[in-house]
Amino acid sequence: MKSTYDLHDVWGLLFVFSIENTHDVAREEIITSKNVNDDEELRQLFDFLIRPEFLFHSPKEQNLLINTLSYFLENDDSFDGVFLNLDTYFDSDVNDQRRFMRVLLASLVRYQAESQKPDR
């Protein structure tokens, strides 16, 4: 049975960046301090704000998010459906939405791998 992937799941993960999210001045300052068009600064932003949310999800939900992003990247989606419906605190527009999502996917895979490592 083939899974049905929905970009709304990805939008939900990125809601932490939305101006519709609960008012939090510290979070807003972190978001606006990063250049979302620089891969390293984007990774830092994801590490700080996305990682805790992602790790809160069950392993099954984590896999679904990773597989959803992979699916839409492999099928050359533009991700307009995510970004057009997400008003963010970003200081600038995301110049390359697919690059943004590739950085997000790599970060999610890394978080999942780190969470599965046994404690030493």
PDB file of N, CA and C in Angstrom:
ATOM      1  N   MET A   1       0.840  -1.175   0.000  1.00  0.00           N
ATOM      2  CA  MET A   1       0.000   0.000   0.000  1.00  0.00           C
ATOM      3  C   MET A   1       0.890   1.246   0.000  1.00  0.00           C
ATOM      4  N   LYS A   2       0.616   2.152  -0.896  1.00  0.00           N
ATOM      5  CA  LYS A   2       1.402   3.377  -1.030  1.00  0.00           C
ATOM      6  C   LYS A   2       0.881   4.440  -0.062  1.00  0.00           C
ATOM      7  N   SER A   3       1.804   5.084   0.626  1.00  0.00           N
ATOM      8  CA  SER A   3       1.420   6.157   1.542  1.00  0.00           C
ATOM      9  C   SER A   3       1.054   7.408   0.748  1.00  0.00           C
ATOM     10  N   THR A   4       0.135   8.177   1.288  1.00  0.00           N
ATOM     11  CA  THR A   4      -0.220   9.456   0.698  1.00  0.00           C
ATOM     12  C   THR A   4       0.493  10.536   1.493  1.00  0.00           C
ATOM     13  N   TYR A   5       1.258  11.361   0.790  1.00  0.00           N
ATOM     14  CA  TYR A   5       2.015  12.410   1.443  1.00  0.00           C
ATOM     15  C   TYR A   5       1.286  13.734   1.301  1.00  0.00           C
ATOM     16  N   ASP A   6       1.362  14.552   2.333  1.00  0.00           N
ATOM     17  CA  ASP A   6       0.646  15.816   2.376  1.00  0.00           C
ATOM     18  C   ASP A   6       1.601  16.912   2.847  1.00  0.00           C
ATOM     19  N   LEU A   7       1.747  17.956   2.034  1.00  0.00           N
ATOM     20  CA  LEU A   7       2.635  19.064   2.405  1.00  0.00           C
ATOM     21  C   LEU A   7       2.149  19.816   3.636  1.00  0.00           C
ATOM     22  N   HIS A   8       0.913  19.613   4.010  1.00  0.00           N
ATOM     23  CA  HIS A   8       0.415  20.261   5.227  1.00  0.00           C
ATOM     24  C   HIS A   8       1.216  19.795   6.450  1.00  0.00           C
ATOM     25  N   ASP A   9       1.701  18.559   6.423  1.00  0.00           N
ATOM     26  CA  ASP A   9       2.540  18.056   7.524  1.00  0.00           C
ATOM     27  C   ASP A   9       3.815  18.883   7.642  1.00  0.00           C
ATOM     28  N   VAL A  10       4.405  19.223   6.517  1.00  0.00           N
ATOM     29  CA  VAL A  10       5.624  20.044   6.498  1.00  0.00           C
ATOM     30  C   VAL A  10       5.288  21.460   6.958  1.00  0.00           C
ATOM     31  N   TRP A  11       4.172  21.990   6.479  1.00  0.00           N
ATOM     32  CA  TRP A  11       3.738  23.314   6.900  1.00  0.00           C
ATOM     33  C   TRP A  11       3.583  23.353   8.415  1.00  0.00           C
ATOM     34  N   GLY A  12       3.019  22.314   8.987  1.00  0.00           N
ATOM     35  CA  GLY A  12       2.839  22.248  10.436  1.00  0.00           C
ATOM     36  C   GLY A  12       4.164  22.310  11.182  1.00  0.00           C
ATOM     37  N   LEU A  13       5.176  21.652  10.653  1.00  0.00           N
ATOM     38  CA  LEU A  13       6.497  21.684  11.275  1.00  0.00           C
ATOM     39  C   LEU A  13       7.102  23.083  11.200  1.00  0.00           C
ATOM     40  N   LEU A  14       6.853  23.778  10.098  1.00  0.00           N
ATOM     41  CA  LEU A  14       7.418  25.121   9.900  1.00  0.00           C
ATOM     42  C   LEU A  14       6.591  26.216  10.570  1.00  0.00           C
ATOM     43  N   PHE A  15       5.478  25.853  11.184  1.00  0.00           N
ATOM     44  CA  PHE A  15       4.613  26.840  11.824  1.00  0.00           C
ATOM     45  C   PHE A  15       5.346  27.610  12.932  1.00  0.00           C
ATOM     46  N   VAL A  16       6.409  27.045  13.458  1.00  0.00           N
ATOM     47  CA  VAL A  16       7.202  27.720  14.488  1.00  0.00           C
ATOM     48  C   VAL A  16       7.727  29.068  13.991  1.00  0.00           C
ATOM     49  N   PHE A  17       7.857  29.232  12.669  1.00  0.00           N
ATOM     50  CA  PHE A  17       8.352  30.475  12.078  1.00  0.00           C
ATOM     51  C   PHE A  17       7.241  31.467  11.750  1.00  0.00           C
ATOM     52  N   SER A  18       5.992  31.076  11.928  1.00  0.00           N
ATOM     53  CA  SER A  18       4.847  31.865  11.497  1.00  0.00           C
ATOM     54  C   SER A  18       4.549  33.032  12.433  1.00  0.00           C
ATOM     55  N   ILE A  19       4.116  34.135  11.839  1.00  0.00           N
ATOM     56  CA  ILE A  19       3.677  35.273  12.647  1.00  0.00           C
ATOM     57  C   ILE A  19       2.353  34.966  13.334  1.00  0.00           C
ATOM     58  N   GLU A  20       1.680  33.922  12.893  1.00  0.00           N
ATOM     59  CA  GLU A  20       0.430  33.497  13.521  1.00  0.00           C
ATOM     60  C   GLU A  20       0.681  32.673  14.778  1.00  0.00           C
ATOM     61  N   ASN A  21       1.922  32.239  14.973  1.00  0.00           N
ATOM     62  CA  ASN A  21       2.279  31.459  16.143  1.00  0.00           C
ATOM     63  C   ASN A  21       2.234  32.373  17.366  1.00  0.00           C
ATOM     64  N   THR A  22       2.129  31.778  18.536  1.00  0.00           N
ATOM     65  CA  THR A  22       2.066  32.533  19.784  1.00  0.00           C
ATOM     66  C   THR A  22       3.175  33.573  19.846  1.00  0.00           C
ATOM     67  N   HIS A  23       2.824  34.751  20.299  1.00  0.00           N
ATOM     68  CA  HIS A  23       3.770  35.867  20.405  1.00  0.00           C
ATOM     69  C   HIS A  23       4.908  35.503  21.364  1.00  0.00           C
ATOM     70  N   ASP A  24       6.131  35.496  20.850  1.00  0.00           N
ATOM     71  CA  ASP A  24       7.312  35.182  21.648  1.00  0.00           C
ATOM     72  C   ASP A  24       8.459  36.025  21.106  1.00  0.00           C
ATOM     73  N   VAL A  25       8.767  37.111  21.798  1.00  0.00           N
ATOM     74  CA  VAL A  25       9.763  38.070  21.316  1.00  0.00           C
ATOM     75  C   VAL A  25      11.130  37.416  21.144  1.00  0.00           C
ATOM     76  N   ALA A  26      11.523  36.558  22.072  1.00  0.00           N
ATOM     77  CA  ALA A  26      12.833  35.905  21.974  1.00  0.00           C
ATOM     78  C   ALA A  26      12.912  35.037  20.717  1.00  0.00           C
ATOM     79  N   ARG A  27      11.853  34.286  20.439  1.00  0.00           N
ATOM     80  CA  ARG A  27      11.821  33.436  19.239  1.00  0.00           C
ATOM     81  C   ARG A  27      11.857  34.299  17.983  1.00  0.00           C
ATOM     82  N   GLU A  28      11.094  35.383  17.982  1.00  0.00           N
ATOM     83  CA  GLU A  28      11.076  36.286  16.832  1.00  0.00           C
ATOM     84  C   GLU A  28      12.462  36.857  16.562  1.00  0.00           C
ATOM     85  N   GLU A  29      13.173  37.227  17.619  1.00  0.00           N
ATOM     86  CA  GLU A  29      14.520  37.786  17.461  1.00  0.00           C
ATOM     87  C   GLU A  29      15.493  36.758  16.897  1.00  0.00           C
ATOM     88  N   ILE A  30      15.357  35.528  17.334  1.00  0.00           N
ATOM     89  CA  ILE A  30      16.219  34.456  16.802  1.00  0.00           C
ATOM     90  C   ILE A  30      15.954  34.284  15.311  1.00  0.00           C
ATOM     91  N   ILE A  31      14.690  34.247  14.942  1.00  0.00           N
ATOM     92  CA  ILE A  31      14.320  34.050  13.538  1.00  0.00           C
ATOM     93  C   ILE A  31      14.848  35.191  12.679  1.00  0.00           C
ATOM     94  N   THR A  32      14.648  36.416  13.118  1.00  0.00           N
ATOM     95  CA  THR A  32      15.061  37.558  12.298  1.00  0.00           C
ATOM     96  C   THR A  32      16.575  37.740  12.280  1.00  0.00           C
ATOM     97  N   SER A  33      17.282  37.124  13.227  1.00  0.00           N
ATOM     98  CA  SER A  33      18.745  37.273  13.263  1.00  0.00           C
ATOM     99  C   SER A  33      19.450  36.379  12.248  1.00  0.00           C
ATOM    100  N   LYS A  34      18.737  35.427  11.674  1.00  0.00           N
ATOM    101  CA  LYS A  34      19.347  34.461  10.759  1.00  0.00           C
ATOM    102  C   LYS A  34      19.001  34.773   9.304  1.00  0.00           C
ATOM    103  N   ASN A  35      19.968  34.535   8.450  1.00  0.00           N
ATOM    104  CA  ASN A  35      19.770  34.666   7.007  1.00  0.00           C
ATOM    105  C   ASN A  35      19.260  33.322   6.487  1.00  0.00           C
ATOM    106  N   VAL A  36      17.996  33.275   6.108  1.00  0.00           N
ATOM    107  CA  VAL A  36      17.398  32.010   5.674  1.00  0.00           C
ATOM    108  C   VAL A  36      17.885  31.574   4.294  1.00  0.00           C
ATOM    109  N   ASN A  37      18.723  32.390   3.672  1.00  0.00           N
ATOM    110  CA  ASN A  37      19.296  32.019   2.377  1.00  0.00           C
ATOM    111  C   ASN A  37      20.753  31.582   2.503  1.00  0.00           C
ATOM    112  N   ASP A  38      21.207  31.403   3.730  1.00  0.00           N
ATOM    113  CA  ASP A  38      22.545  30.896   4.011  1.00  0.00           C
ATOM    114  C   ASP A  38      22.376  29.531   4.687  1.00  0.00           C
ATOM    115  N   ASP A  39      22.930  28.486   4.079  1.00  0.00           N
ATOM    116  CA  ASP A  39      22.706  27.127   4.574  1.00  0.00           C
ATOM    117  C   ASP A  39      23.111  26.947   6.032  1.00  0.00           C
ATOM    118  N   GLU A  40      24.253  27.479   6.432  1.00  0.00           N
ATOM    119  CA  GLU A  40      24.722  27.298   7.808  1.00  0.00           C
ATOM    120  C   GLU A  40      23.807  28.015   8.803  1.00  0.00           C
ATOM    121  N   GLU A  41      23.405  29.240   8.497  1.00  0.00           N
ATOM    122  CA  GLU A  41      22.508  29.958   9.399  1.00  0.00           C
ATOM    123  C   GLU A  41      21.131  29.302   9.444  1.00  0.00           C
ATOM    124  N   LEU A  42      20.709  28.748   8.314  1.00  0.00           N
ATOM    125  CA  LEU A  42      19.438  28.033   8.263  1.00  0.00           C
ATOM    126  C   LEU A  42      19.510  26.779   9.133  1.00  0.00           C
ATOM    127  N   ARG A  43      20.622  26.039   9.049  1.00  0.00           N
ATOM    128  CA  ARG A  43      20.807  24.857   9.907  1.00  0.00           C
ATOM    129  C   ARG A  43      20.754  25.259  11.384  1.00  0.00           C
ATOM    130  N   GLN A  44      21.398  26.362  11.729  1.00  0.00           N
ATOM    131  CA  GLN A  44      21.385  26.827  13.120  1.00  0.00           C
ATOM    132  C   GLN A  44      19.951  27.136  13.570  1.00  0.00           C
ATOM    133  N   LEU A  45      19.203  27.770  12.699  1.00  0.00           N
ATOM    134  CA  LEU A  45      17.813  28.094  13.006  1.00  0.00           C
ATOM    135  C   LEU A  45      16.988  26.824  13.201  1.00  0.00           C
ATOM    136  N   PHE A  46      17.170  25.866  12.314  1.00  0.00           N
ATOM    137  CA  PHE A  46      16.467  24.585  12.445  1.00  0.00           C
ATOM    138  C   PHE A  46      16.882  23.874  13.733  1.00  0.00           C
ATOM    139  N   ASP A  47      18.172  23.886  14.036  1.00  0.00           N
ATOM    140  CA  ASP A  47      18.650  23.209  15.244  1.00  0.00           C
ATOM    141  C   ASP A  47      17.977  23.784  16.485  1.00  0.00           C
ATOM    142  N   PHE A  48      17.819  25.073  16.507  1.00  0.00           N
ATOM    143  CA  PHE A  48      17.268  25.724  17.686  1.00  0.00           C
ATOM    144  C   PHE A  48      15.749  25.589  17.783  1.00  0.00           C
ATOM    145  N   LEU A  49      15.047  25.738  16.656  1.00  0.00           N
ATOM    146  CA  LEU A  49      13.583  25.787  16.710  1.00  0.00           C
ATOM    147  C   LEU A  49      12.864  24.549  16.184  1.00  0.00           C
ATOM    148  N   ILE A  50      13.415  23.874  15.208  1.00  0.00           N
ATOM    149  CA  ILE A  50      12.737  22.712  14.622  1.00  0.00           C
ATOM    150  C   ILE A  50      13.091  21.422  15.367  1.00  0.00           C
ATOM    151  N   ARG A  51      14.344  21.282  15.751  1.00  0.00           N
ATOM    152  CA  ARG A  51      14.803  20.046  16.392  1.00  0.00           C
ATOM    153  C   ARG A  51      13.926  19.630  17.577  1.00  0.00           C
ATOM    154  N   PRO A  52      13.657  20.519  18.554  1.00  0.00           N
ATOM    155  CA  PRO A  52      12.828  20.080  19.693  1.00  0.00           C
ATOM    156  C   PRO A  52      11.432  19.626  19.269  1.00  0.00           C
ATOM    157  N   GLU A  53      10.843  20.333  18.328  1.00  0.00           N
ATOM    158  CA  GLU A  53       9.506  19.976  17.844  1.00  0.00           C
ATOM    159  C   GLU A  53       9.535  18.622  17.131  1.00  0.00           C
ATOM    160  N   PHE A  54      10.535  18.433  16.279  1.00  0.00           N
ATOM    161  CA  PHE A  54      10.654  17.182  15.532  1.00  0.00           C
ATOM    162  C   PHE A  54      10.845  16.000  16.480  1.00  0.00           C
ATOM    163  N   LEU A  55      11.706  16.161  17.481  1.00  0.00           N
ATOM    164  CA  LEU A  55      11.997  15.056  18.404  1.00  0.00           C
ATOM    165  C   LEU A  55      10.827  14.760  19.331  1.00  0.00           C
ATOM    166  N   PHE A  56       9.885  15.678  19.448  1.00  0.00           N
ATOM    167  CA  PHE A  56       8.670  15.453  20.218  1.00  0.00           C
ATOM    168  C   PHE A  56       7.761  14.439  19.517  1.00  0.00           C
ATOM    169  N   HIS A  57       7.881  14.358  18.186  1.00  0.00           N
ATOM    170  CA  HIS A  57       7.066  13.427  17.395  1.00  0.00           C
ATOM    171  C   HIS A  57       7.533  11.986  17.618  1.00  0.00           C
ATOM    172  N   SER A  58       6.613  11.054  17.435  1.00  0.00           N
ATOM    173  CA  SER A  58       6.950   9.633  17.525  1.00  0.00           C
ATOM    174  C   SER A  58       7.860   9.251  16.352  1.00  0.00           C
ATOM    175  N   PRO A  59       8.594   8.144  16.465  1.00  0.00           N
ATOM    176  CA  PRO A  59       9.423   7.704  15.334  1.00  0.00           C
ATOM    177  C   PRO A  59       8.616   7.542  14.033  1.00  0.00           C
ATOM    178  N   LYS A  60       7.390   7.067  14.147  1.00  0.00           N
ATOM    179  CA  LYS A  60       6.535   6.902  12.961  1.00  0.00           C
ATOM    180  C   LYS A  60       6.247   8.266  12.325  1.00  0.00           C
ATOM    181  N   GLU A  61       5.930   9.263  13.152  1.00  0.00           N
ATOM    182  CA  GLU A  61       5.654  10.607  12.640  1.00  0.00           C
ATOM    183  C   GLU A  61       6.921  11.251  12.067  1.00  0.00           C
ATOM    184  N   GLN A  62       8.056  10.997  12.700  1.00  0.00           N
ATOM    185  CA  GLN A  62       9.325  11.503  12.173  1.00  0.00           C
ATOM    186  C   GLN A  62       9.588  10.934  10.788  1.00  0.00           C
ATOM    187  N   ASN A  63       9.376   9.624  10.647  1.00  0.00           N
ATOM    188  CA  ASN A  63       9.566   8.990   9.334  1.00  0.00           C
ATOM    189  C   ASN A  63       8.620   9.572   8.298  1.00  0.00           C
ATOM    190  N   LEU A  64       7.388   9.835   8.691  1.00  0.00           N
ATOM    191  CA  LEU A  64       6.420  10.410   7.758  1.00  0.00           C
ATOM    192  C   LEU A  64       6.885  11.786   7.280  1.00  0.00           C
ATOM    193  N   LEU A  65       7.378  12.625   8.191  1.00  0.00           N
ATOM    194  CA  LEU A  65       7.875  13.950   7.803  1.00  0.00           C
ATOM    195  C   LEU A  65       9.064  13.836   6.857  1.00  0.00           C
ATOM    196  N   ILE A  66       9.997  12.959   7.174  1.00  0.00           N
ATOM    197  CA  ILE A  66      11.175  12.754   6.321  1.00  0.00           C
ATOM    198  C   ILE A  66      10.753  12.224   4.958  1.00  0.00           C
ATOM    199  N   ASN A  67       9.882  11.236   4.951  1.00  0.00           N
ATOM    200  CA  ASN A  67       9.437  10.647   3.681  1.00  0.00           C
ATOM    201  C   ASN A  67       8.619  11.640   2.854  1.00  0.00           C
ATOM    202  N   THR A  68       7.841  12.474   3.516  1.00  0.00           N
ATOM    203  CA  THR A  68       7.058  13.490   2.802  1.00  0.00           C
ATOM    204  C   THR A  68       7.975  14.482   2.106  1.00  0.00           C
ATOM    205  N   LEU A  69       8.954  14.997   2.846  1.00  0.00           N
ATOM    206  CA  LEU A  69       9.906  15.933   2.234  1.00  0.00           C
ATOM    207  C   LEU A  69      10.656  15.270   1.088  1.00  0.00           C
ATOM    208  N   SER A  70      11.116  14.053   1.297  1.00  0.00           N
ATOM    209  CA  SER A  70      11.841  13.325   0.245  1.00  0.00           C
ATOM    210  C   SER A  70      10.980  13.157  -0.994  1.00  0.00           C
ATOM    211  N   TYR A  71       9.740  12.766  -0.788  1.00  0.00           N
ATOM    212  CA  TYR A  71       8.815  12.547  -1.901  1.00  0.00           C
ATOM    213  C   TYR A  71       8.647  13.812  -2.739  1.00  0.00           C
ATOM    214  N   PHE A  72       8.369  14.930  -2.080  1.00  0.00           N
ATOM    215  CA  PHE A  72       8.124  16.165  -2.825  1.00  0.00           C
ATOM    216  C   PHE A  72       9.400  16.719  -3.450  1.00  0.00           C
ATOM    217  N   LEU A  73      10.543  16.504  -2.837  1.00  0.00           N
ATOM    218  CA  LEU A  73      11.808  16.907  -3.463  1.00  0.00           C
ATOM    219  C   LEU A  73      12.094  16.054  -4.693  1.00  0.00           C
ATOM    220  N   GLU A  74      11.876  14.744  -4.578  1.00  0.00           N
ATOM    221  CA  GLU A  74      12.112  13.840  -5.707  1.00  0.00           C
ATOM    222  C   GLU A  74      11.170  14.128  -6.869  1.00  0.00           C
ATOM    223  N   ASN A  75       9.987  14.671  -6.569  1.00  0.00           N
ATOM    224  CA  ASN A  75       9.002  14.959  -7.609  1.00  0.00           C
ATOM    225  C   ASN A  75       9.018  16.419  -8.051  1.00  0.00           C
ATOM    226  N   ASP A  76      10.129  17.096  -7.767  1.00  0.00           N
ATOM    227  CA  ASP A  76      10.375  18.475  -8.220  1.00  0.00           C
ATOM    228  C   ASP A  76       9.298  19.470  -7.818  1.00  0.00           C
ATOM    229  N   ASP A  77       8.705  19.271  -6.654  1.00  0.00           N
ATOM    230  CA  ASP A  77       7.720  20.240  -6.167  1.00  0.00           C
ATOM    231  C   ASP A  77       8.411  21.569  -5.879  1.00  0.00           C
ATOM    232  N   SER A  78       7.712  22.654  -6.102  1.00  0.00           N
ATOM    233  CA  SER A  78       8.274  23.993  -5.866  1.00  0.00           C
ATOM    234  C   SER A  78       8.117  24.425  -4.411  1.00  0.00           C
ATOM    235  N   PHE A  79       7.228  23.766  -3.679  1.00  0.00           N
ATOM    236  CA  PHE A  79       6.899  24.088  -2.289  1.00  0.00           C
ATOM    237  C   PHE A  79       6.175  25.425  -2.153  1.00  0.00           C
ATOM    238  N   ASP A  80       5.612  25.911  -3.262  1.00  0.00           N
ATOM    239  CA  ASP A  80       4.811  27.137  -3.198  1.00  0.00           C
ATOM    240  C   ASP A  80       3.638  26.975  -2.231  1.00  0.00           C
ATOM    241  N   GLY A  81       3.055  25.783  -2.201  1.00  0.00           N
ATOM    242  CA  GLY A  81       1.916  25.531  -1.319  1.00  0.00           C
ATOM    243  C   GLY A  81       2.257  25.708   0.148  1.00  0.00           C
ATOM    244  N   VAL A  82       3.503  25.495   0.504  1.00  0.00           N
ATOM    245  CA  VAL A  82       3.941  25.698   1.884  1.00  0.00           C
ATOM    246  C   VAL A  82       4.225  27.166   2.136  1.00  0.00           C
ATOM    247  N   PHE A  83       5.025  27.763   1.275  1.00  0.00           N
ATOM    248  CA  PHE A  83       5.502  29.121   1.516  1.00  0.00           C
ATOM    249  C   PHE A  83       4.444  30.193   1.277  1.00  0.00           C
ATOM    250  N   LEU A  84       3.521  29.961   0.351  1.00  0.00           N
ATOM    251  CA  LEU A  84       2.474  30.953   0.109  1.00  0.00           C
ATOM    252  C   LEU A  84       1.490  31.040   1.269  1.00  0.00           C
ATOM    253  N   ASN A  85       1.404  29.978   2.049  1.00  0.00           N
ATOM    254  CA  ASN A  85       0.465  29.933   3.170  1.00  0.00           C
ATOM    255  C   ASN A  85       1.162  30.068   4.518  1.00  0.00           C
ATOM    256  N   LEU A  86       2.382  30.599   4.511  1.00  0.00           N
ATOM    257  CA  LEU A  86       3.153  30.714   5.743  1.00  0.00           C
ATOM    258  C   LEU A  86       3.770  32.106   5.821  1.00  0.00           C
ATOM    259  N   ASP A  87       3.139  32.981   6.585  1.00  0.00           N
ATOM    260  CA  ASP A  87       3.702  34.314   6.828  1.00  0.00           C
ATOM    261  C   ASP A  87       4.693  34.190   7.971  1.00  0.00           C
ATOM    262  N   THR A  88       5.945  34.492   7.693  1.00  0.00           N
ATOM    263  CA  THR A  88       7.003  34.241   8.662  1.00  0.00           C
ATOM    264  C   THR A  88       7.647  35.520   9.183  1.00  0.00           C
ATOM    265  N   TYR A  89       8.465  35.330  10.184  1.00  0.00           N
ATOM    266  CA  TYR A  89       9.285  36.408  10.730  1.00  0.00           C
ATOM    267  C   TYR A  89      10.605  36.548   9.976  1.00  0.00           C
ATOM    268  N   PHE A  90      10.820  35.782   8.917  1.00  0.00           N
ATOM    269  CA  PHE A  90      12.062  35.871   8.162  1.00  0.00           C
ATOM    270  C   PHE A  90      12.255  37.307   7.676  1.00  0.00           C
ATOM    271  N   ASP A  91      13.483  37.807   7.797  1.00  0.00           N
ATOM    272  CA  ASP A  91      13.789  39.164   7.349  1.00  0.00           C
ATOM    273  C   ASP A  91      13.785  39.299   5.829  1.00  0.00           C
ATOM    274  N   SER A  92      13.996  38.194   5.138  1.00  0.00           N
ATOM    275  CA  SER A  92      13.984  38.224   3.675  1.00  0.00           C
ATOM    276  C   SER A  92      13.206  37.027   3.153  1.00  0.00           C
ATOM    277  N   ASP A  93      12.835  37.102   1.883  1.00  0.00           N
ATOM    278  CA  ASP A  93      12.156  35.976   1.251  1.00  0.00           C
ATOM    279  C   ASP A  93      13.135  34.814   1.089  1.00  0.00           C
ATOM    280  N   VAL A  94      12.593  33.611   1.081  1.00  0.00           N
ATOM    281  CA  VAL A  94      13.401  32.432   0.795  1.00  0.00           C
ATOM    282  C   VAL A  94      13.634  32.425  -0.715  1.00  0.00           C
ATOM    283  N   ASN A  95      14.895  32.592  -1.124  1.00  0.00           N
ATOM    284  CA  ASN A  95      15.223  32.687  -2.549  1.00  0.00           C
ATOM    285  C   ASN A  95      15.058  31.367  -3.283  1.00  0.00           C
ATOM    286  N   ASP A  96      15.386  30.270  -2.631  1.00  0.00           N
ATOM    287  CA  ASP A  96      15.320  28.954  -3.258  1.00  0.00           C
ATOM    288  C   ASP A  96      14.596  28.012  -2.293  1.00  0.00           C
ATOM    289  N   GLN A  97      13.302  27.848  -2.508  1.00  0.00           N
ATOM    290  CA  GLN A  97      12.481  27.043  -1.610  1.00  0.00           C
ATOM    291  C   GLN A  97      12.924  25.589  -1.567  1.00  0.00           C
ATOM    292  N   ARG A  98      13.359  25.053  -2.695  1.00  0.00           N
ATOM    293  CA  ARG A  98      13.807  23.660  -2.721  1.00  0.00           C
ATOM    294  C   ARG A  98      15.109  23.495  -1.924  1.00  0.00           C
ATOM    295  N   ARG A  99      16.002  24.468  -1.998  1.00  0.00           N
ATOM    296  CA  ARG A  99      17.237  24.414  -1.212  1.00  0.00           C
ATOM    297  C   ARG A  99      16.888  24.455   0.268  1.00  0.00           C
ATOM    298  N   PHE A 100      15.972  25.338   0.643  1.00  0.00           N
ATOM    299  CA  PHE A 100      15.488  25.440   2.012  1.00  0.00           C
ATOM    300  C   PHE A 100      15.008  24.069   2.490  1.00  0.00           C
ATOM    301  N   MET A 101      14.209  23.400   1.666  1.00  0.00           N
ATOM    302  CA  MET A 101      13.661  22.091   2.040  1.00  0.00           C
ATOM    303  C   MET A 101      14.736  21.003   2.071  1.00  0.00           C
ATOM    304  N   ARG A 102      15.731  21.106   1.205  1.00  0.00           N
ATOM    305  CA  ARG A 102      16.834  20.128   1.259  1.00  0.00           C
ATOM    306  C   ARG A 102      17.617  20.274   2.561  1.00  0.00           C
ATOM    307  N   VAL A 103      17.857  21.509   2.985  1.00  0.00           N
ATOM    308  CA  VAL A 103      18.539  21.752   4.259  1.00  0.00           C
ATOM    309  C   VAL A 103      17.671  21.237   5.411  1.00  0.00           C
ATOM    310  N   LEU A 104      16.369  21.468   5.332  1.00  0.00           N
ATOM    311  CA  LEU A 104      15.455  20.962   6.354  1.00  0.00           C
ATOM    312  C   LEU A 104      15.497  19.437   6.401  1.00  0.00           C
ATOM    313  N   LEU A 105      15.425  18.800   5.254  1.00  0.00           N
ATOM    314  CA  LEU A 105      15.449  17.340   5.203  1.00  0.00           C
ATOM    315  C   LEU A 105      16.740  16.793   5.802  1.00  0.00           C
ATOM    316  N   ALA A 106      17.870  17.350   5.427  1.00  0.00           N
ATOM    317  CA  ALA A 106      19.152  16.889   5.978  1.00  0.00           C
ATOM    318  C   ALA A 106      19.177  17.062   7.496  1.00  0.00           C
ATOM    319  N   SER A 107      18.606  18.150   7.969  1.00  0.00           N
ATOM    320  CA  SER A 107      18.555  18.393   9.415  1.00  0.00           C
ATOM    321  C   SER A 107      17.671  17.360  10.107  1.00  0.00           C
ATOM    322  N   LEU A 108      16.511  17.076   9.547  1.00  0.00           N
ATOM    323  CA  LEU A 108      15.610  16.089  10.153  1.00  0.00           C
ATOM    324  C   LEU A 108      16.244  14.709  10.201  1.00  0.00           C
ATOM    325  N   VAL A 109      16.915  14.328   9.130  1.00  0.00           N
ATOM    326  CA  VAL A 109      17.591  13.025   9.094  1.00  0.00           C
ATOM    327  C   VAL A 109      18.671  12.981  10.172  1.00  0.00           C
ATOM    328  N   ARG A 110      19.399  14.078  10.324  1.00  0.00           N
ATOM    329  CA  ARG A 110      20.451  14.147  11.345  1.00  0.00           C
ATOM    330  C   ARG A 110      19.848  14.064  12.747  1.00  0.00           C
ATOM    331  N   TYR A 111      18.754  14.776  13.003  1.00  0.00           N
ATOM    332  CA  TYR A 111      18.116  14.728  14.319  1.00  0.00           C
ATOM    333  C   TYR A 111      17.652  13.313  14.647  1.00  0.00           C
ATOM    334  N   GLN A 112      17.063  12.669  13.656  1.00  0.00           N
ATOM    335  CA  GLN A 112      16.567  11.317  13.877  1.00  0.00           C
ATOM    336  C   GLN A 112      17.720  10.362  14.176  1.00  0.00           C
ATOM    337  N   ALA A 113      18.795  10.479  13.426  1.00  0.00           N
ATOM    338  CA  ALA A 113      19.956   9.612  13.643  1.00  0.00           C
ATOM    339  C   ALA A 113      20.562   9.850  15.029  1.00  0.00           C
ATOM    340  N   GLU A 114      20.679  11.113  15.414  1.00  0.00           N
ATOM    341  CA  GLU A 114      21.236  11.443  16.730  1.00  0.00           C
ATOM    342  C   GLU A 114      20.354  10.915  17.857  1.00  0.00           C
ATOM    343  N   SER A 115      19.048  10.952  17.671  1.00  0.00           N
ATOM    344  CA  SER A 115      18.134  10.497  18.724  1.00  0.00           C
ATOM    345  C   SER A 115      18.142   8.976  18.873  1.00  0.00           C
ATOM    346  N   GLN A 116      18.613   8.283  17.837  1.00  0.00           N
ATOM    347  CA  GLN A 116      18.629   6.824  17.881  1.00  0.00           C
ATOM    348  C   GLN A 116      19.958   6.260  18.370  1.00  0.00           C
ATOM    349  N   LYS A 117      20.948   7.142  18.571  1.00  0.00           N
ATOM    350  CA  LYS A 117      22.233   6.686  19.077  1.00  0.00           C
ATOM    351  C   LYS A 117      22.081   6.306  20.541  1.00  0.00           C
ATOM    352  N   PRO A 118      22.652   5.158  20.916  1.00  0.00           N
ATOM    353  CA  PRO A 118      22.585   4.776  22.341  1.00  0.00           C
ATOM    354  C   PRO A 118      23.469   5.704  23.171  1.00  0.00           C
ATOM    355  N   ASP A 119      23.032   6.002  24.396  1.00  0.00           N
ATOM    356  CA  ASP A 119      23.847   6.817  25.297  1.00  0.00           C
ATOM    357  C   ASP A 119      25.098   6.051  25.705  1.00  0.00           C
ATOM    358  N   ARG A 120      26.168   6.771  25.820  1.00  0.00           N
ATOM    359  CA  ARG A 120      27.415   6.114  26.200  1.00  0.00           C
ATOM    360  C   ARG A 120      27.643   6.236  27.655  1.00  0.00           C
TER     361      ARG A 120
END
